[in-house]
C-alpha cells in the first residue's frame, strides 16, 4: 500500500469506529503528524512503519522538553 492509501485506510477506520476509539485516536495522530511534517513525509513514514509492522507516533524533541506543551516530531514506534 502507498502512504496515501494507508492514510485513507486509517482515516476511514477512525470514522467507522467513532469518537473515543483507538482508530479515532490514531487518525488524529496522523492528522497532527501531517500538520507537523507535511504530507510527503507522513506518507513515507506510514509506508516505512507499515513495512515494519509498526505505527507512527508524535514525540517531543530533546530540546523542546519542558519548553513546549505540544509534540514537534513524528517517529515510528
N, C-alpha and C. Protein backbone atom coordinates (compact mmCIF):
# COMPACT_ATOMS: atom_id res chain seq x y z
N UNK A 1 0.83 -1.19 0.00
CA UNK A 1 0.00 0.00 0.00
C UNK A 1 0.88 1.25 0.00
N UNK A 2 0.40 2.26 -0.67
CA UNK A 2 1.11 3.53 -0.64
C UNK A 2 0.79 4.27 0.66
N UNK A 3 1.59 5.27 0.96
CA UNK A 3 1.33 6.08 2.15
C UNK A 3 -0.03 6.74 2.11
N UNK A 4 -0.43 7.20 0.94
CA UNK A 4 -1.76 7.83 0.78
C UNK A 4 -2.86 6.82 1.05
N UNK A 5 -2.71 5.61 0.52
CA UNK A 5 -3.71 4.56 0.76
C UNK A 5 -3.77 4.20 2.24
N UNK A 6 -2.63 4.12 2.90
CA UNK A 6 -2.61 3.82 4.33
C UNK A 6 -3.28 4.94 5.12
N UNK A 7 -2.96 6.18 4.79
CA UNK A 7 -3.59 7.31 5.47
C UNK A 7 -5.10 7.25 5.32
N UNK A 8 -5.57 7.04 4.10
CA UNK A 8 -7.02 6.96 3.84
C UNK A 8 -7.64 5.79 4.60
N UNK A 9 -6.96 4.66 4.64
CA UNK A 9 -7.44 3.48 5.36
C UNK A 9 -7.63 3.79 6.84
N UNK A 10 -6.62 4.40 7.45
CA UNK A 10 -6.70 4.73 8.88
C UNK A 10 -7.76 5.78 9.16
N UNK A 11 -7.92 6.74 8.27
CA UNK A 11 -8.95 7.77 8.47
C UNK A 11 -10.35 7.16 8.34
N UNK A 12 -10.53 6.24 7.39
CA UNK A 12 -11.83 5.57 7.23
C UNK A 12 -12.15 4.73 8.46
N UNK A 13 -11.15 4.05 9.00
CA UNK A 13 -11.35 3.26 10.22
C UNK A 13 -11.75 4.15 11.38
N UNK A 14 -11.15 5.34 11.45
CA UNK A 14 -11.48 6.29 12.52
C UNK A 14 -12.94 6.72 12.41
N UNK A 15 -13.39 6.98 11.21
CA UNK A 15 -14.79 7.38 11.00
C UNK A 15 -15.75 6.25 11.33
N UNK A 16 -15.40 5.04 10.93
CA UNK A 16 -16.26 3.87 11.20
C UNK A 16 -16.40 3.60 12.69
N UNK A 17 -15.29 3.66 13.41
CA UNK A 17 -15.28 3.27 14.82
C UNK A 17 -15.65 4.41 15.76
N UNK A 18 -15.56 5.62 15.30
CA UNK A 18 -16.06 6.77 16.04
C UNK A 18 -15.21 7.30 17.17
N UNK A 19 -15.70 8.38 17.72
CA UNK A 19 -15.04 9.12 18.80
C UNK A 19 -14.71 8.21 19.97
N UNK A 20 -13.50 8.33 20.48
CA UNK A 20 -13.08 7.55 21.63
C UNK A 20 -12.42 6.23 21.31
N UNK A 21 -12.51 5.79 20.06
CA UNK A 21 -11.90 4.51 19.69
C UNK A 21 -10.40 4.68 19.45
N UNK A 22 -9.69 3.57 19.49
CA UNK A 22 -8.25 3.59 19.21
C UNK A 22 -8.00 4.07 17.77
N UNK A 23 -8.87 3.67 16.87
CA UNK A 23 -8.74 4.07 15.47
C UNK A 23 -8.92 5.59 15.32
N UNK A 24 -9.85 6.15 16.09
CA UNK A 24 -10.09 7.59 16.06
C UNK A 24 -8.85 8.33 16.58
N UNK A 25 -8.28 7.82 17.66
CA UNK A 25 -7.08 8.44 18.24
C UNK A 25 -5.92 8.40 17.25
N UNK A 26 -5.74 7.26 16.58
CA UNK A 26 -4.64 7.15 15.62
C UNK A 26 -4.89 8.06 14.41
N UNK A 27 -6.14 8.19 14.00
CA UNK A 27 -6.47 9.12 12.92
C UNK A 27 -6.08 10.53 13.29
N UNK A 28 -6.29 10.92 14.53
CA UNK A 28 -5.89 12.25 15.00
C UNK A 28 -4.37 12.40 15.00
N UNK A 29 -3.66 11.34 15.41
CA UNK A 29 -2.20 11.37 15.38
C UNK A 29 -1.71 11.62 13.95
N UNK A 30 -2.31 10.92 13.00
CA UNK A 30 -1.90 11.08 11.61
C UNK A 30 -2.18 12.49 11.10
N UNK A 31 -3.32 13.04 11.47
CA UNK A 31 -3.67 14.40 11.05
C UNK A 31 -2.68 15.41 11.63
N UNK A 32 -2.37 15.28 12.92
CA UNK A 32 -1.41 16.17 13.55
C UNK A 32 -0.01 15.99 12.95
N UNK A 33 0.36 14.74 12.65
CA UNK A 33 1.65 14.47 12.03
C UNK A 33 1.76 15.19 10.70
N UNK A 34 0.68 15.20 9.95
CA UNK A 34 0.68 15.86 8.65
C UNK A 34 0.86 17.37 8.82
N UNK A 35 0.25 17.93 9.85
CA UNK A 35 0.43 19.36 10.11
C UNK A 35 1.88 19.67 10.50
N UNK A 36 2.51 18.77 11.24
CA UNK A 36 3.89 18.98 11.69
C UNK A 36 4.92 18.79 10.58
N UNK A 37 4.78 17.73 9.81
CA UNK A 37 5.85 17.34 8.89
C UNK A 37 5.48 17.39 7.42
N UNK A 38 4.22 17.57 7.11
CA UNK A 38 3.81 17.63 5.71
C UNK A 38 3.40 16.27 5.18
N UNK A 39 2.64 16.34 4.12
CA UNK A 39 2.04 15.15 3.51
C UNK A 39 3.07 14.13 3.05
N UNK A 40 4.05 14.55 2.28
CA UNK A 40 5.03 13.62 1.71
C UNK A 40 5.79 12.86 2.80
N UNK A 41 6.21 13.56 3.84
CA UNK A 41 6.96 12.91 4.92
C UNK A 41 6.09 11.91 5.67
N UNK A 42 4.86 12.29 5.96
CA UNK A 42 3.97 11.38 6.69
C UNK A 42 3.65 10.16 5.85
N UNK A 43 3.39 10.33 4.57
CA UNK A 43 3.11 9.18 3.71
C UNK A 43 4.31 8.24 3.66
N UNK A 44 5.52 8.81 3.56
CA UNK A 44 6.73 7.99 3.53
C UNK A 44 6.90 7.23 4.84
N UNK A 45 6.68 7.92 5.97
CA UNK A 45 6.82 7.27 7.26
C UNK A 45 5.73 6.22 7.48
N UNK A 46 4.54 6.44 6.96
CA UNK A 46 3.49 5.43 7.06
C UNK A 46 3.88 4.17 6.31
N UNK A 47 4.44 4.32 5.12
CA UNK A 47 4.89 3.16 4.34
C UNK A 47 5.97 2.40 5.09
N UNK A 48 6.93 3.13 5.64
CA UNK A 48 8.02 2.51 6.39
C UNK A 48 7.49 1.79 7.63
N UNK A 49 6.61 2.44 8.37
CA UNK A 49 6.04 1.83 9.58
C UNK A 49 5.25 0.58 9.23
N UNK A 50 4.45 0.65 8.18
CA UNK A 50 3.63 -0.48 7.75
C UNK A 50 4.50 -1.67 7.37
N UNK A 51 5.59 -1.41 6.67
CA UNK A 51 6.51 -2.47 6.26
C UNK A 51 7.14 -3.17 7.46
N UNK A 52 7.30 -2.43 8.56
CA UNK A 52 7.90 -2.98 9.78
C UNK A 52 6.86 -3.48 10.78
N UNK A 53 5.57 -3.35 10.43
CA UNK A 53 4.52 -3.76 11.36
C UNK A 53 4.37 -2.82 12.54
N UNK A 54 4.67 -1.55 12.32
CA UNK A 54 4.62 -0.55 13.39
C UNK A 54 3.70 0.59 13.02
N UNK A 55 3.62 1.58 13.89
CA UNK A 55 2.82 2.78 13.65
C UNK A 55 3.68 4.01 13.89
N UNK A 56 3.17 5.16 13.46
CA UNK A 56 3.89 6.39 13.77
C UNK A 56 3.29 7.01 15.03
N UNK A 57 4.07 7.87 15.64
CA UNK A 57 3.68 8.48 16.90
C UNK A 57 4.22 9.91 16.93
N UNK A 58 3.55 10.77 17.68
CA UNK A 58 4.04 12.13 17.88
C UNK A 58 4.98 12.11 19.07
N UNK A 59 6.03 12.91 19.02
CA UNK A 59 7.02 12.93 20.11
C UNK A 59 7.56 14.35 20.27
N UNK A 60 8.31 14.53 21.34
CA UNK A 60 8.96 15.80 21.62
C UNK A 60 10.44 15.68 21.30
N UNK A 61 11.02 16.74 20.73
CA UNK A 61 12.46 16.74 20.54
C UNK A 61 13.10 16.95 21.90
N UNK A 62 14.33 16.55 22.05
CA UNK A 62 15.01 16.67 23.32
C UNK A 62 15.08 18.12 23.79
N UNK A 63 15.36 19.02 22.87
CA UNK A 63 15.50 20.42 23.24
C UNK A 63 14.16 21.05 23.64
N UNK A 64 13.07 20.50 23.15
CA UNK A 64 11.76 21.10 23.42
C UNK A 64 11.14 20.62 24.73
N UNK A 65 11.64 19.56 25.30
CA UNK A 65 11.05 19.04 26.54
C UNK A 65 11.03 20.11 27.62
N UNK A 66 9.89 20.30 28.21
CA UNK A 66 9.73 21.28 29.27
C UNK A 66 9.49 22.69 28.75
N UNK A 67 9.77 22.93 27.48
CA UNK A 67 9.57 24.25 26.91
C UNK A 67 8.26 24.37 26.16
N UNK A 68 7.81 23.29 25.55
CA UNK A 68 6.59 23.31 24.75
C UNK A 68 5.59 22.31 25.30
N UNK A 69 4.34 22.56 25.05
CA UNK A 69 3.32 21.62 25.51
C UNK A 69 2.79 20.76 24.38
N UNK A 70 3.30 20.95 23.16
CA UNK A 70 2.83 20.17 22.03
C UNK A 70 3.99 19.42 21.39
N UNK A 71 3.73 18.22 20.86
CA UNK A 71 4.78 17.46 20.18
C UNK A 71 5.30 18.21 18.97
N UNK A 72 6.53 17.92 18.58
CA UNK A 72 7.11 18.58 17.41
C UNK A 72 7.84 17.61 16.49
N UNK A 73 7.72 16.31 16.72
CA UNK A 73 8.35 15.28 15.89
C UNK A 73 7.35 14.18 15.57
N UNK A 74 7.61 13.51 14.46
CA UNK A 74 6.85 12.31 14.12
C UNK A 74 7.86 11.18 14.03
N UNK A 75 7.64 10.11 14.80
CA UNK A 75 8.58 8.99 14.84
C UNK A 75 7.83 7.68 14.62
N UNK A 76 8.57 6.67 14.25
CA UNK A 76 8.00 5.33 14.10
C UNK A 76 8.24 4.56 15.38
N UNK A 77 7.17 3.99 15.93
CA UNK A 77 7.31 3.23 17.17
C UNK A 77 7.10 1.75 16.93
